[in-house]
């Protein structure tokens, strides 16, 4: 079985599938459901063995149904958009790696990029960027190929107990092998595909929210502690830091930094308007855990050191909002003035929260295109 799995992987590698190796999060709980530890799930060869057999089975079943022109459900995955690939190109160029991510041979170019960063400190960052550039795989009654796996035919067949789409494929295949009448009309399959895709997206969202809640509960015991991390994403309102010790991300908000900053989207970096300091993905930092909001699943950090250099404290007095956000204020500012700006602030806060949730979608993305 092991030799067969290795041979299947070797054949897929020659086909230049998108081979990302981003560890999944594992949250250990006690009997009361309280988080005890958060770590990266260990991936064994036994996991890969089962995965190779599963992929081979799904492709074989899909090809059989397509060959015999039997109406069925397919798992399809569209190619990434050019603007997403452009960001990836620019980031690679910022590390002195020149690459053009476009057709033809896009799969090979992405595979080559992954290989070039395999032993690089920014390997995980690059893989996260690649994953973000990919579209969401969905179910369809029309076969359109699968970009991530680089195969013309793919469906979900191997998990009929937990996925309705797989159960439908089992029924269709059984009826075909037994020469029975066609079970589903095309329009029925289109409805099933739409429903299954929507249910999957809801379950992924629910899983992500639960994990965020567990993370915020877990990190509360470390409030005030300093930890090492790596900048995993930059935005207009600050940058996210992924901790070294735990598989946890938090935000260093731009309001907690000295001076004025501007965001360069093409390079995914924040740059100071008054100095040469800038923050970009992959930078090593030391942060302090300052806030954890269970209701929103958000964690806030403040920056202590950047690339080994201490960061000067903000000169103005700060106050913390219920969301853990830091705001500039002055001791002689009237309460009337503050109340007058509450509406504007609440709108800005809602906008930032919405944007932040989109940026945190990398959690659970590992299964995104399979």
Protein backbone atom coordinates (compact mmCIF):
# COMPACT_ATOMS: atom_id res chain seq x y z
CA UNK A 1 0.00 0.00 0.00
CA UNK A 2 2.83 2.38 0.88
CA UNK A 3 4.64 1.77 -2.42
CA UNK A 4 1.43 2.30 -4.38
CA UNK A 5 0.73 5.57 -2.55
CA UNK A 6 4.25 6.82 -3.31
CA UNK A 7 3.84 5.90 -6.97
CA UNK A 8 0.51 7.75 -7.18
CA UNK A 9 2.10 10.83 -5.60
CA UNK A 10 5.01 10.62 -8.03
CA UNK A 11 2.62 10.55 -10.99
CA UNK A 12 0.67 13.53 -9.67
CA UNK A 13 3.89 15.47 -9.10
CA UNK A 14 4.83 15.00 -12.75
CA UNK A 15 1.49 16.59 -13.59
CA UNK A 16 2.38 19.72 -11.54
CA UNK A 17 -0.58 19.85 -9.18
CA UNK A 18 -0.63 22.69 -6.61
CA UNK A 19 1.17 20.96 -3.73
CA UNK A 20 0.74 23.15 -0.65
CA UNK A 21 1.94 22.00 2.74
CA UNK A 22 0.25 24.32 5.23
CA UNK A 23 -0.24 22.62 8.62
CA UNK A 24 -3.76 22.43 10.02
CA UNK A 25 -4.60 23.73 13.48
CA UNK A 26 -5.24 21.25 16.30
CA UNK A 27 -7.01 22.48 19.44
CA UNK A 28 -6.83 20.24 22.52
CA UNK A 29 -9.84 20.56 24.86
CA UNK A 30 -10.64 19.36 28.37
CA UNK A 31 -13.87 17.63 29.41
CA UNK A 32 -15.58 21.03 29.72
CA UNK A 33 -14.64 22.06 26.20
CA UNK A 34 -12.05 24.57 27.38
CA UNK A 35 -8.90 24.87 25.23
CA UNK A 36 -5.75 23.41 26.77
CA UNK A 37 -3.33 23.77 23.86
CA UNK A 38 -3.26 25.00 20.28
CA UNK A 39 -0.71 23.50 17.92
CA UNK A 40 -0.09 22.38 14.36
CA UNK A 41 -1.56 19.01 13.53
CA UNK A 42 1.10 16.40 12.79
CA UNK A 43 0.84 14.99 9.27
CA UNK A 44 1.91 11.36 8.99
CA UNK A 45 2.58 9.24 5.92
CA UNK A 46 -0.55 7.23 6.78
CA UNK A 47 -2.59 10.41 6.19
CA UNK A 48 -0.93 10.91 2.82
CA UNK A 49 -1.49 7.25 1.91
CA UNK A 50 -5.25 7.54 2.46
CA UNK A 51 -5.32 10.88 0.63
CA UNK A 52 -3.64 9.44 -2.47
CA UNK A 53 -6.11 6.54 -2.65
CA UNK A 54 -9.02 8.94 -2.10
CA UNK A 55 -7.87 11.27 -4.90
CA UNK A 56 -7.34 8.36 -7.30
CA UNK A 57 -10.81 6.99 -6.53
CA UNK A 58 -12.54 10.33 -6.98
CA UNK A 59 -10.82 10.94 -10.32
CA UNK A 60 -11.59 7.42 -11.58
CA UNK A 61 -15.29 7.67 -10.72
CA UNK A 62 -15.58 11.13 -12.31
CA UNK A 63 -13.87 9.96 -15.49
CA UNK A 64 -16.17 6.91 -15.70
CA UNK A 65 -19.31 9.05 -15.36
CA UNK A 66 -18.08 11.57 -17.93
CA UNK A 67 -17.00 8.87 -20.38
CA UNK A 68 -20.43 7.22 -20.27
CA UNK A 69 -22.22 10.59 -20.41
CA UNK A 70 -24.06 9.95 -17.16
CA UNK A 71 -25.44 13.11 -15.49
CA UNK A 72 -23.54 13.59 -12.24
CA UNK A 73 -22.03 16.02 -9.74
CA UNK A 74 -18.48 17.25 -10.24
CA UNK A 75 -16.06 19.07 -7.99
CA UNK A 76 -14.73 21.97 -10.06
CA UNK A 77 -12.07 24.57 -9.35
CA UNK A 78 -11.50 27.65 -11.51
CA UNK A 79 -8.02 29.07 -12.24
CA UNK A 80 -6.89 32.03 -10.10
CA UNK A 81 -7.55 35.57 -11.28
CA UNK A 82 -4.69 37.50 -12.87
CA UNK A 83 -4.75 40.28 -10.25
CA UNK A 84 -4.23 37.72 -7.46
CA UNK A 85 -1.26 36.21 -9.29
CA UNK A 86 0.18 39.68 -9.85
CA UNK A 87 0.40 40.26 -6.10
CA UNK A 88 2.20 36.94 -5.75
CA UNK A 89 4.63 37.91 -8.51
CA UNK A 90 5.46 41.23 -6.85
CA UNK A 91 6.04 39.59 -3.48
CA UNK A 92 8.38 37.02 -5.04
CA UNK A 93 10.25 39.84 -6.79
CA UNK A 94 10.68 41.63 -3.45
CA UNK A 95 12.72 38.59 -2.35
CA UNK A 96 14.82 38.70 -5.55
CA UNK A 97 12.97 35.79 -7.20
CA UNK A 98 11.86 36.68 -10.73
CA UNK A 99 8.85 34.77 -12.02
CA UNK A 100 5.95 35.37 -14.42
CA UNK A 101 2.76 33.64 -13.29
CA UNK A 102 0.61 33.33 -16.40
CA UNK A 103 -0.43 30.83 -19.03
CA UNK A 104 0.90 28.73 -20.62
CA UNK A 105 2.24 26.21 -18.09
CA UNK A 106 0.80 28.06 -15.09
CA UNK A 107 0.76 24.90 -12.95
CA UNK A 108 4.47 24.32 -13.57
CA UNK A 109 5.31 27.94 -12.77
CA UNK A 110 3.44 27.83 -9.46
CA UNK A 111 5.05 24.47 -8.62
CA UNK A 112 8.48 25.93 -9.43
CA UNK A 113 7.77 28.89 -7.15
CA UNK A 114 6.84 26.56 -4.28
CA UNK A 115 10.03 24.59 -4.90
CA UNK A 116 12.21 27.74 -4.93
CA UNK A 117 10.87 28.70 -1.50
CA UNK A 118 10.96 25.15 -0.06
CA UNK A 119 13.94 25.88 2.22
CA UNK A 120 13.30 29.61 2.52
CA UNK A 121 12.23 31.25 5.83
CA UNK A 122 9.25 32.69 3.93
CA UNK A 123 8.09 29.30 2.62
CA UNK A 124 4.88 29.23 4.67
CA UNK A 125 4.12 32.87 3.83
CA UNK A 126 4.43 32.16 0.09
CA UNK A 127 2.18 29.11 0.36
CA UNK A 128 -0.43 31.17 2.21
CA UNK A 129 -0.29 33.79 -0.56
CA UNK A 130 -0.75 31.09 -3.20
CA UNK A 131 -3.69 29.67 -1.29
CA UNK A 132 -5.31 33.10 -1.03
CA UNK A 133 -4.96 33.58 -4.78
CA UNK A 134 -6.96 30.42 -5.51
CA UNK A 135 -10.71 30.43 -5.96
CA UNK A 136 -13.16 28.36 -3.94
CA UNK A 137 -13.83 24.85 -5.23
CA UNK A 138 -17.55 24.15 -5.68
CA UNK A 139 -19.95 21.44 -6.84
CA UNK A 140 -21.42 21.58 -10.33
CA UNK A 141 -23.56 19.50 -12.66
CA UNK A 142 -21.18 20.53 -15.45
CA UNK A 143 -17.61 19.25 -15.59
CA UNK A 144 -15.11 22.12 -15.92
CA UNK A 145 -11.92 20.48 -14.62
CA UNK A 146 -10.11 21.08 -11.33
CA UNK A 147 -7.28 23.63 -11.37
CA UNK A 148 -5.72 22.84 -7.98
CA UNK A 149 -5.37 19.13 -8.69
CA UNK A 150 -4.72 19.76 -12.40
CA UNK A 151 -7.14 17.09 -13.53
CA UNK A 152 -9.92 17.14 -16.14
CA UNK A 153 -12.24 14.97 -14.06
CA UNK A 154 -12.93 15.11 -10.34
CA UNK A 155 -15.83 14.43 -8.00
CA UNK A 156 -16.45 13.57 -4.35
CA UNK A 157 -17.20 9.88 -3.89
CA UNK A 158 -15.29 8.57 -0.86
CA UNK A 159 -17.28 10.04 2.07
CA UNK A 160 -20.99 9.20 1.64
CA UNK A 161 -21.54 9.11 5.41
CA UNK A 162 -20.65 12.78 5.99
CA UNK A 163 -21.27 14.43 2.58
CA UNK A 164 -24.52 14.38 0.65
CA UNK A 165 -22.73 14.95 -2.66
CA UNK A 166 -20.82 11.68 -2.18
CA UNK A 167 -24.03 9.82 -1.39
CA UNK A 168 -25.58 11.14 -4.62
CA UNK A 169 -22.57 9.89 -6.61
CA UNK A 170 -22.85 6.46 -4.96
CA UNK A 171 -26.49 6.24 -6.01
CA UNK A 172 -25.72 7.36 -9.57
CA UNK A 173 -22.80 4.94 -9.95
CA UNK A 174 -24.77 2.01 -8.49
CA UNK A 175 -27.67 2.66 -10.86
CA UNK A 176 -25.29 2.88 -13.83
CA UNK A 177 -23.49 -0.37 -12.97
CA UNK A 178 -26.80 -2.18 -12.52
CA UNK A 179 -28.16 -0.78 -15.80
CA UNK A 180 -30.97 1.00 -14.00
CA UNK A 181 -32.91 4.05 -15.14
CA UNK A 182 -31.19 7.41 -14.77
CA UNK A 183 -31.83 8.62 -11.20
CA UNK A 184 -31.39 12.38 -11.50
CA UNK A 185 -32.26 14.91 -14.15
CA UNK A 186 -29.76 17.62 -15.03
CA UNK A 187 -31.83 20.34 -13.38
CA UNK A 188 -32.08 18.27 -10.17
CA UNK A 189 -28.30 17.89 -10.07
CA UNK A 190 -27.87 21.62 -10.57
CA UNK A 191 -30.04 22.27 -7.52
CA UNK A 192 -28.15 19.67 -5.48
CA UNK A 193 -24.81 21.19 -6.51
CA UNK A 194 -25.91 24.67 -5.49
CA UNK A 195 -27.30 23.45 -2.16
CA UNK A 196 -24.21 21.34 -1.37
CA UNK A 197 -21.84 24.23 -2.12
CA UNK A 198 -23.84 26.57 0.11
CA UNK A 199 -23.95 24.05 2.96
CA UNK A 200 -20.21 23.50 2.69
CA UNK A 201 -19.51 27.23 2.89
CA UNK A 202 -21.73 27.54 5.98
CA UNK A 203 -19.98 24.65 7.71
CA UNK A 204 -16.52 26.07 6.92
CA UNK A 205 -17.60 29.45 8.29
CA UNK A 206 -18.99 27.84 11.47
CA UNK A 207 -15.79 25.83 11.98
CA UNK A 208 -13.69 28.96 11.55
CA UNK A 209 -15.81 30.89 14.05
CA UNK A 210 -15.58 28.11 16.65
CA UNK A 211 -11.80 27.94 16.27
CA UNK A 212 -11.56 31.72 16.63
CA UNK A 213 -13.58 31.54 19.86
CA UNK A 214 -11.34 28.77 21.23
CA UNK A 215 -8.24 30.77 20.30
CA UNK A 216 -9.47 33.91 22.05
CA UNK A 217 -10.33 31.93 25.19
CA UNK A 218 -6.96 30.21 25.18
CA UNK A 219 -4.87 33.35 24.67
CA UNK A 220 -6.54 35.19 27.59
CA UNK A 221 -4.19 33.44 30.01
CA UNK A 222 -1.29 35.11 28.18
CA UNK A 223 -2.56 38.70 28.37
CA UNK A 224 0.41 40.99 29.02
CA UNK A 225 2.93 38.35 27.90
CA UNK A 226 5.50 38.94 25.15
CA UNK A 227 5.85 36.35 22.36
CA UNK A 228 7.76 35.87 19.13
CA UNK A 229 5.93 35.78 15.83
CA UNK A 230 6.06 36.42 12.10
CA UNK A 231 4.06 38.96 10.11
CA UNK A 232 1.57 36.87 8.12
CA UNK A 233 -0.43 39.62 6.42
CA UNK A 234 -0.39 43.41 5.99
CA UNK A 235 -3.47 45.58 5.52
CA UNK A 236 -4.40 49.27 5.54
CA UNK A 237 -5.35 49.09 9.22
CA UNK A 238 -2.28 47.22 10.50
CA UNK A 239 -0.68 43.82 10.20
CA UNK A 240 -1.40 40.30 11.45
CA UNK A 241 1.21 38.35 13.39
CA UNK A 242 1.27 34.55 13.64
CA UNK A 243 2.81 33.35 16.90
CA UNK A 244 5.73 30.93 16.92
CA UNK A 245 4.63 29.12 20.07
CA UNK A 246 0.96 28.66 19.19
CA UNK A 247 -0.96 28.50 15.92
CA UNK A 248 -2.64 31.82 16.69
CA UNK A 249 -2.93 35.10 14.78
CA UNK A 250 -3.54 38.57 16.17
CA UNK A 251 -3.63 42.13 14.86
CA UNK A 252 -1.17 44.94 15.51
CA UNK A 253 -3.42 47.88 14.74
CA UNK A 254 -1.98 50.88 12.94
CA UNK A 255 -3.24 53.16 15.76
CA UNK A 256 -0.81 51.48 18.16
CA UNK A 257 2.19 52.46 16.00
CA UNK A 258 4.05 55.77 16.16
CA UNK A 259 3.70 58.20 13.26
CA UNK A 260 1.77 58.02 10.00
CA UNK A 261 1.77 54.95 7.77
CA UNK A 262 0.77 54.10 4.22
CA UNK A 263 -0.13 50.70 2.80
CA UNK A 264 1.43 49.55 -0.47
CA UNK A 265 -0.93 46.87 -1.76
CA UNK A 266 1.36 45.67 -4.56
CA UNK A 267 4.12 44.84 -2.06
CA UNK A 268 1.79 43.99 0.83
CA UNK A 269 3.70 46.25 3.22
CA UNK A 270 3.14 49.17 5.60
CA UNK A 271 5.67 51.97 5.25
CA UNK A 272 6.28 54.94 7.54
CA UNK A 273 5.78 58.39 6.02
CA UNK A 274 8.42 59.95 8.29
CA UNK A 275 11.17 57.30 8.43
CA UNK A 276 12.63 54.34 6.56
CA UNK A 277 10.78 51.82 8.75
CA UNK A 278 8.41 49.41 7.04
CA UNK A 279 6.62 46.17 7.87
CA UNK A 280 6.10 43.36 5.39
CA UNK A 281 5.08 39.71 5.35
CA UNK A 282 7.71 37.39 6.77
CA UNK A 283 9.27 39.94 9.15
CA UNK A 284 10.18 38.54 12.58
CA UNK A 285 8.67 40.45 15.50
CA UNK A 286 8.05 40.27 19.24
CA UNK A 287 4.56 41.28 20.33
CA UNK A 288 2.64 41.72 23.56
CA UNK A 289 -0.84 40.23 23.92
CA UNK A 290 -3.11 43.13 24.94
CA UNK A 291 -6.71 42.11 24.21
CA UNK A 292 -8.84 39.06 23.40
CA UNK A 293 -12.51 39.40 22.46
CA UNK A 294 -14.47 36.14 22.57
CA UNK A 295 -17.60 37.69 21.01
CA UNK A 296 -15.79 38.71 17.83
CA UNK A 297 -13.01 36.09 17.87
CA UNK A 298 -10.43 38.88 17.57
CA UNK A 299 -7.03 39.11 19.26
CA UNK A 300 -4.99 42.30 19.57
CA UNK A 301 -1.23 42.66 19.91
CA UNK A 302 1.12 45.60 20.36
CA UNK A 303 4.57 45.59 18.80
CA UNK A 304 7.62 45.35 21.09
CA UNK A 305 10.48 44.59 18.68
CA UNK A 306 10.82 44.41 14.90
CA UNK A 307 13.71 42.44 13.42
CA UNK A 308 15.39 42.53 16.82
CA UNK A 309 15.03 46.32 17.28
CA UNK A 310 12.91 47.75 20.08
CA UNK A 311 9.92 49.86 19.12
CA UNK A 312 9.48 53.19 20.92
CA UNK A 313 6.28 53.60 22.88
CA UNK A 314 3.50 55.76 21.52
CA UNK A 315 3.76 59.26 22.95
CA UNK A 316 0.05 59.90 23.29
CA UNK A 317 -2.04 58.30 25.97
CA UNK A 318 -4.08 55.37 24.68
CA UNK A 319 -7.39 53.95 25.77
CA UNK A 320 -8.83 50.54 24.94
CA UNK A 321 -12.31 50.16 23.49
CA UNK A 322 -14.60 47.17 24.26
CA UNK A 323 -13.28 45.54 21.07
CA UNK A 324 -9.74 45.80 22.32
CA UNK A 325 -8.92 48.58 19.86
CA UNK A 326 -6.55 51.34 20.96
CA UNK A 327 -7.59 54.91 20.27
CA UNK A 328 -5.67 58.17 20.53
CA UNK A 329 -7.23 60.57 23.03
CA UNK A 330 -6.28 63.55 25.11
CA UNK A 331 -6.93 64.15 28.81
CA UNK A 332 -8.42 67.62 28.19
CA UNK A 333 -10.77 66.51 25.42
CA UNK A 334 -14.40 67.06 26.42
CA UNK A 335 -16.85 64.20 26.70
CA UNK A 336 -19.16 66.13 24.38
CA UNK A 337 -16.53 66.05 21.60
CA UNK A 338 -16.00 62.32 22.06
CA UNK A 339 -19.73 61.64 21.89
CA UNK A 340 -19.97 63.71 18.76
CA UNK A 341 -17.53 61.39 16.99
CA UNK A 342 -18.99 58.10 18.21
CA UNK A 343 -21.11 57.58 15.09
CA UNK A 344 -18.18 58.08 12.75
CA UNK A 345 -15.99 55.78 14.83
CA UNK A 346 -18.61 53.03 14.96
CA UNK A 347 -18.92 53.08 11.15
CA UNK A 348 -15.14 52.89 10.75
CA UNK A 349 -14.96 50.09 13.32
CA UNK A 350 -17.64 48.07 11.51
CA UNK A 351 -15.79 48.52 8.21
CA UNK A 352 -12.49 47.40 9.75
CA UNK A 353 -14.12 44.39 11.41
CA UNK A 354 -15.65 43.30 8.09
CA UNK A 355 -12.32 43.70 6.29
CA UNK A 356 -10.47 41.90 9.07
CA UNK A 357 -12.75 38.87 8.90
CA UNK A 358 -12.07 38.57 5.17
CA UNK A 359 -8.33 38.69 5.80
CA UNK A 360 -8.55 36.00 8.50
CA UNK A 361 -10.15 33.52 6.12
CA UNK A 362 -6.86 31.70 5.72
CA UNK A 363 -7.89 29.59 8.72
CA UNK A 364 -9.39 26.35 7.34
CA UNK A 365 -8.25 27.27 3.80
CA UNK A 366 -6.09 24.17 3.56
CA UNK A 367 -9.16 22.20 2.41
CA UNK A 368 -10.33 25.01 0.19
CA UNK A 369 -9.66 23.58 -3.27
CA UNK A 370 -10.09 19.81 -2.73
